[in-house]
Amino acid sequence: MNSGLLYPLAVSLVLMGFGVVLWLAARRLDHRRQAERYLGATHGRSRSAIRDRGWAQALASRGAAFDRVIGDAEETRRLLIQAGLRGARARAGFYLLQISLPLGAVALGIAVLIWPGRGSMQILLIVGVLIGSLLLPRYLLRRRAAARRQQIEKDVPLFINLLILLFDAGLNMRQALTSLVREGRATMKTLVDELDPIVRQIQAGAEADALLRETGKDLAIDDLELVLGILRQVERYGGEVRAPLTEALDTMHAKRTMATREQVNILSGKMTVVLVTCFFPPLLIFIVGPAFVSISRSLGGL
């Protein structure tokens, strides 16, 4: 690149960034004014809380628009739910990370281009950093979502056992979920965090069937979706709930037993490969080596 073009390019990028900052500041001021107007009709809520929420909502909406450009917005929404990032502030934090990392990489690239004595390796490094800054937030989100889904899947058998116990005690579906949210956070915190918004929305008058179906679809955990489907059926049609829950629990135990056996078989094959490649050659050398040395000495003497 011609060195005479670097400075105009840098100046134009700086001016563009300054314009973006001014636009964001103007939009934030507009949202703040809307929040202040809303304060006149709101009781029991602090002014700072509404301002923070308006700022978080604005940043989350802009981040969602940016996410539609670089990726699948629906997948991001599902991953945010699976990772437990449901609030506006949590989503705004993710979108802020997703926007700030590429901007930082672009700023670093401009600094390297302006710096004298650059080479092709530095340019390739900047390109790699830019690509990594675009992929890293989604990668971290997927890791968090996978770890959380795995923890929820581990809590499902205990969830079924507690449901059976509560139904045997005479509680209905809504009372059982409320009791689990109130008392079960110490034993299955991750799953209770997913049940808590469901219970609050049901208490506010929402339809339980739609909430359970949407939660099962968003989390995409087969065992949990099966249990929520049973609860939906009980909520809609009534009937016996102990038998289907017990059958679902037996099915889960059978699946986990088969998965454990499969892992043991795979581990046995890996250990066999390690045994053949790392243990047998030293053993053969230890056993056959002295005899081979003795035979070599005898033949050498002849």
Foldseek 3Di string as FASTA:
>chain_A
DDLVVLVVVVVVVVVVVVVVVVVLVVVLVVLLVVLVVVVVVDPDDDSVVSSVLSNLQVLLVVLLVVCVVLHDSVVVVLLCVLLVNDGSNSSSVLSCQLPVQLVVLVVVLSVLVNDPPHDPVVVVVSVVSNVCSNCVSVVVSNVSSVVLLVLVLVCLLVVLVQLLVVVVVPDADLVSLVCCLVPVCVPRVSVSSLSVVLSVVVVVPDDNLVSLCVSCVSSVDVLSNQLSVLSSCCVVPNDDRNVSSVVSSVVVVVVVVVVVVVVVVVVVVVVVVCCVPPPVVVVCCVVCVVVVVVVVVVVVVD
